[in-house]
Amino acid sequence: MVAEWGVYDSSKKPNPTAKANVYNTVLKDLDSMPAIKGLMYFETAKDQSGHQILMNDTPQNAAAFQKIAADPRFTVTL
């Protein structure tokens, strides 16, 4: 399991797709790491350094994150 991962936009001028660009790599990367069975996203409006780590701060970022959450590998029966 990957615990407490998150993404923030560190560009000088805010980029509305910066996080989406990272989210769009996650599923492909997970294909090469089959032992990972879960992800826990750390979300905060402001971390200790003042970075905003919200997953849905723009429609583009929200849509890209929703693709990760909807992936069948995360649909489990308990």
N, C-alpha and C. Protein backbone atom coordinates (compact mmCIF):
# COMPACT_ATOMS: atom_id res chain seq x y z
N MET A 1 0.85 -1.18 0.00
CA MET A 1 0.00 0.00 0.00
C MET A 1 0.89 1.24 0.00
N VAL A 2 0.45 2.22 -0.72
CA VAL A 2 1.14 3.51 -0.71
C VAL A 2 0.32 4.43 0.19
N ALA A 3 0.91 4.86 1.27
CA ALA A 3 0.20 5.70 2.23
C ALA A 3 0.67 7.15 2.14
N GLU A 4 -0.29 8.04 2.26
CA GLU A 4 -0.04 9.47 2.33
C GLU A 4 0.78 10.02 1.16
N TRP A 5 0.35 9.75 -0.05
CA TRP A 5 0.96 10.40 -1.20
C TRP A 5 0.05 11.55 -1.60
N GLY A 6 0.61 12.51 -2.27
CA GLY A 6 -0.17 13.67 -2.71
C GLY A 6 0.61 14.46 -3.74
N VAL A 7 -0.07 15.40 -4.38
CA VAL A 7 0.53 16.19 -5.44
C VAL A 7 0.18 17.65 -5.22
N TYR A 8 1.16 18.52 -5.39
CA TYR A 8 0.88 19.96 -5.38
C TYR A 8 1.54 20.60 -6.58
N ASP A 9 1.00 21.73 -6.99
CA ASP A 9 1.51 22.48 -8.13
C ASP A 9 2.55 23.47 -7.60
N SER A 10 3.79 23.26 -7.96
CA SER A 10 4.86 24.14 -7.47
C SER A 10 5.27 25.19 -8.50
N SER A 11 4.53 25.30 -9.59
CA SER A 11 4.90 26.28 -10.62
C SER A 11 4.64 27.71 -10.13
N LYS A 12 5.40 28.64 -10.65
CA LYS A 12 5.24 30.04 -10.24
C LYS A 12 3.86 30.56 -10.63
N LYS A 13 3.39 30.20 -11.81
CA LYS A 13 2.05 30.56 -12.27
C LYS A 13 1.19 29.30 -12.16
N PRO A 14 0.09 29.33 -11.41
CA PRO A 14 -0.72 28.12 -11.24
C PRO A 14 -1.12 27.49 -12.57
N ASN A 15 -0.95 26.18 -12.64
CA ASN A 15 -1.29 25.40 -13.83
C ASN A 15 -2.49 24.53 -13.49
N PRO A 16 -3.64 24.76 -14.12
CA PRO A 16 -4.85 24.01 -13.75
C PRO A 16 -4.79 22.52 -14.05
N THR A 17 -3.79 22.08 -14.81
CA THR A 17 -3.68 20.65 -15.11
C THR A 17 -2.41 20.01 -14.54
N ALA A 18 -1.69 20.73 -13.71
CA ALA A 18 -0.42 20.21 -13.17
C ALA A 18 -0.63 18.88 -12.44
N LYS A 19 -1.60 18.83 -11.56
CA LYS A 19 -1.85 17.59 -10.82
C LYS A 19 -2.40 16.51 -11.74
N ALA A 20 -3.27 16.90 -12.66
CA ALA A 20 -3.83 15.92 -13.61
C ALA A 20 -2.72 15.25 -14.40
N ASN A 21 -1.70 16.00 -14.76
CA ASN A 21 -0.58 15.42 -15.50
C ASN A 21 0.10 14.32 -14.69
N VAL A 22 0.17 14.49 -13.38
CA VAL A 22 0.75 13.45 -12.52
C VAL A 22 -0.25 12.30 -12.35
N TYR A 23 -1.51 12.64 -12.06
CA TYR A 23 -2.53 11.59 -11.86
C TYR A 23 -2.62 10.69 -13.09
N ASN A 24 -2.45 11.27 -14.27
CA ASN A 24 -2.56 10.49 -15.50
C ASN A 24 -1.44 9.46 -15.68
N THR A 25 -0.43 9.50 -14.85
CA THR A 25 0.66 8.51 -14.90
C THR A 25 0.48 7.38 -13.89
N VAL A 26 -0.41 7.55 -12.94
CA VAL A 26 -0.50 6.63 -11.81
C VAL A 26 -0.89 5.21 -12.23
N LEU A 27 -1.94 5.06 -13.01
CA LEU A 27 -2.40 3.71 -13.35
C LEU A 27 -1.36 2.96 -14.18
N LYS A 28 -0.73 3.64 -15.11
CA LYS A 28 0.32 3.00 -15.91
C LYS A 28 1.48 2.57 -15.00
N ASP A 29 1.85 3.45 -14.09
CA ASP A 29 2.94 3.10 -13.17
C ASP A 29 2.56 1.91 -12.28
N LEU A 30 1.31 1.87 -11.84
CA LEU A 30 0.86 0.75 -11.01
C LEU A 30 0.90 -0.57 -11.77
N ASP A 31 0.73 -0.52 -13.08
CA ASP A 31 0.82 -1.75 -13.87
C ASP A 31 2.17 -2.44 -13.69
N SER A 32 3.20 -1.65 -13.45
CA SER A 32 4.54 -2.22 -13.28
C SER A 32 4.84 -2.56 -11.81
N MET A 33 3.88 -2.33 -10.93
CA MET A 33 4.06 -2.62 -9.50
C MET A 33 2.85 -3.38 -8.97
N PRO A 34 2.64 -4.61 -9.41
CA PRO A 34 1.42 -5.35 -9.05
C PRO A 34 1.27 -5.66 -7.56
N ALA A 35 2.32 -5.55 -6.81
CA ALA A 35 2.21 -5.82 -5.37
C ALA A 35 1.46 -4.70 -4.64
N ILE A 36 1.36 -3.53 -5.24
CA ILE A 36 0.64 -2.42 -4.61
C ILE A 36 -0.86 -2.67 -4.80
N LYS A 37 -1.57 -2.76 -3.70
CA LYS A 37 -3.01 -3.05 -3.73
C LYS A 37 -3.86 -1.89 -3.25
N GLY A 38 -3.23 -0.84 -2.77
CA GLY A 38 -4.01 0.29 -2.28
C GLY A 38 -3.22 1.58 -2.28
N LEU A 39 -3.94 2.67 -2.40
CA LEU A 39 -3.35 4.02 -2.35
C LEU A 39 -4.14 4.85 -1.35
N MET A 40 -3.46 5.60 -0.54
CA MET A 40 -4.12 6.51 0.38
C MET A 40 -3.62 7.92 0.08
N TYR A 41 -4.51 8.75 -0.42
CA TYR A 41 -4.12 10.11 -0.81
C TYR A 41 -4.20 11.02 0.40
N PHE A 42 -3.15 11.83 0.60
CA PHE A 42 -3.13 12.82 1.67
C PHE A 42 -3.61 14.12 1.07
N GLU A 43 -4.73 14.62 1.56
CA GLU A 43 -5.32 15.84 1.02
C GLU A 43 -5.37 16.91 2.10
N THR A 44 -4.90 18.10 1.77
CA THR A 44 -4.97 19.21 2.70
C THR A 44 -4.99 20.52 1.92
N ALA A 45 -5.68 21.48 2.46
CA ALA A 45 -5.73 22.80 1.83
C ALA A 45 -4.42 23.55 2.03
N LYS A 46 -3.64 23.15 3.05
CA LYS A 46 -2.37 23.83 3.31
C LYS A 46 -1.50 22.93 4.17
N ASP A 47 -0.33 22.53 3.63
CA ASP A 47 0.58 21.73 4.44
C ASP A 47 1.55 22.65 5.19
N GLN A 48 2.56 22.05 5.83
CA GLN A 48 3.50 22.84 6.64
C GLN A 48 4.25 23.87 5.82
N SER A 49 4.40 23.61 4.54
CA SER A 49 5.11 24.54 3.65
C SER A 49 4.17 25.47 2.90
N GLY A 50 2.88 25.38 3.19
CA GLY A 50 1.90 26.22 2.53
C GLY A 50 1.38 25.69 1.22
N HIS A 51 1.74 24.44 0.87
CA HIS A 51 1.27 23.85 -0.38
C HIS A 51 -0.16 23.31 -0.23
N GLN A 52 -0.95 23.53 -1.24
CA GLN A 52 -2.32 23.02 -1.31
C GLN A 52 -2.28 21.68 -2.02
N ILE A 53 -2.81 20.64 -1.38
CA ILE A 53 -2.72 19.29 -1.92
C ILE A 53 -4.13 18.72 -2.16
N LEU A 54 -5.09 19.57 -2.48
CA LEU A 54 -6.44 19.09 -2.77
C LEU A 54 -6.45 18.36 -4.10
N MET A 55 -7.16 17.25 -4.17
CA MET A 55 -7.20 16.47 -5.41
C MET A 55 -8.16 17.02 -6.43
N ASN A 56 -9.10 17.85 -6.01
CA ASN A 56 -10.15 18.31 -6.92
C ASN A 56 -10.22 19.83 -7.01
N ASP A 57 -9.07 20.49 -6.98
CA ASP A 57 -9.06 21.95 -7.00
C ASP A 57 -9.40 22.53 -8.36
N THR A 58 -9.32 21.74 -9.43
CA THR A 58 -9.77 22.17 -10.75
C THR A 58 -10.56 21.01 -11.35
N PRO A 59 -11.44 21.29 -12.29
CA PRO A 59 -12.19 20.19 -12.93
C PRO A 59 -11.28 19.17 -13.60
N GLN A 60 -10.18 19.63 -14.20
CA GLN A 60 -9.24 18.73 -14.87
C GLN A 60 -8.58 17.78 -13.86
N ASN A 61 -8.17 18.34 -12.74
CA ASN A 61 -7.52 17.52 -11.71
C ASN A 61 -8.51 16.53 -11.12
N ALA A 62 -9.74 16.97 -10.86
CA ALA A 62 -10.76 16.08 -10.30
C ALA A 62 -11.05 14.93 -11.25
N ALA A 63 -11.19 15.22 -12.54
CA ALA A 63 -11.50 14.17 -13.52
C ALA A 63 -10.37 13.14 -13.61
N ALA A 64 -9.14 13.61 -13.60
CA ALA A 64 -7.99 12.70 -13.68
C ALA A 64 -7.92 11.82 -12.42
N PHE A 65 -8.19 12.40 -11.26
CA PHE A 65 -8.15 11.61 -10.02
C PHE A 65 -9.29 10.60 -10.00
N GLN A 66 -10.45 10.98 -10.50
CA GLN A 66 -11.59 10.06 -10.52
C GLN A 66 -11.30 8.84 -11.39
N LYS A 67 -10.48 8.99 -12.42
CA LYS A 67 -10.09 7.84 -13.24
C LYS A 67 -9.30 6.83 -12.42
N ILE A 68 -8.45 7.34 -11.53
CA ILE A 68 -7.69 6.44 -10.66
C ILE A 68 -8.66 5.69 -9.75
N ALA A 69 -9.53 6.45 -9.09
CA ALA A 69 -10.46 5.84 -8.13
C ALA A 69 -11.40 4.83 -8.77
N ALA A 70 -11.74 5.04 -10.04
CA ALA A 70 -12.68 4.15 -10.73
C ALA A 70 -12.02 2.91 -11.32
N ASP A 71 -10.71 2.82 -11.25
CA ASP A 71 -10.02 1.67 -11.84
C ASP A 71 -10.48 0.38 -11.14
N PRO A 72 -10.77 -0.65 -11.91
CA PRO A 72 -11.29 -1.90 -11.34
C PRO A 72 -10.38 -2.56 -10.31
N ARG A 73 -9.10 -2.30 -10.36
CA ARG A 73 -8.22 -2.94 -9.38
C ARG A 73 -8.52 -2.48 -7.95
N PHE A 74 -9.22 -1.36 -7.83
CA PHE A 74 -9.58 -0.86 -6.50
C PHE A 74 -11.01 -1.23 -6.08
N THR A 75 -11.69 -2.02 -6.89
CA THR A 75 -13.01 -2.52 -6.54
C THR A 75 -12.81 -3.87 -5.88
N VAL A 76 -13.01 -3.90 -4.59
CA VAL A 76 -12.78 -5.13 -3.83
C VAL A 76 -14.02 -5.54 -3.05
N THR A 77 -14.12 -6.81 -2.79
CA THR A 77 -15.18 -7.34 -1.94
C THR A 77 -14.56 -7.76 -0.63
N LEU A 78 -15.12 -7.27 0.43
CA LEU A 78 -14.60 -7.63 1.76
C LEU A 78 -15.48 -8.68 2.40
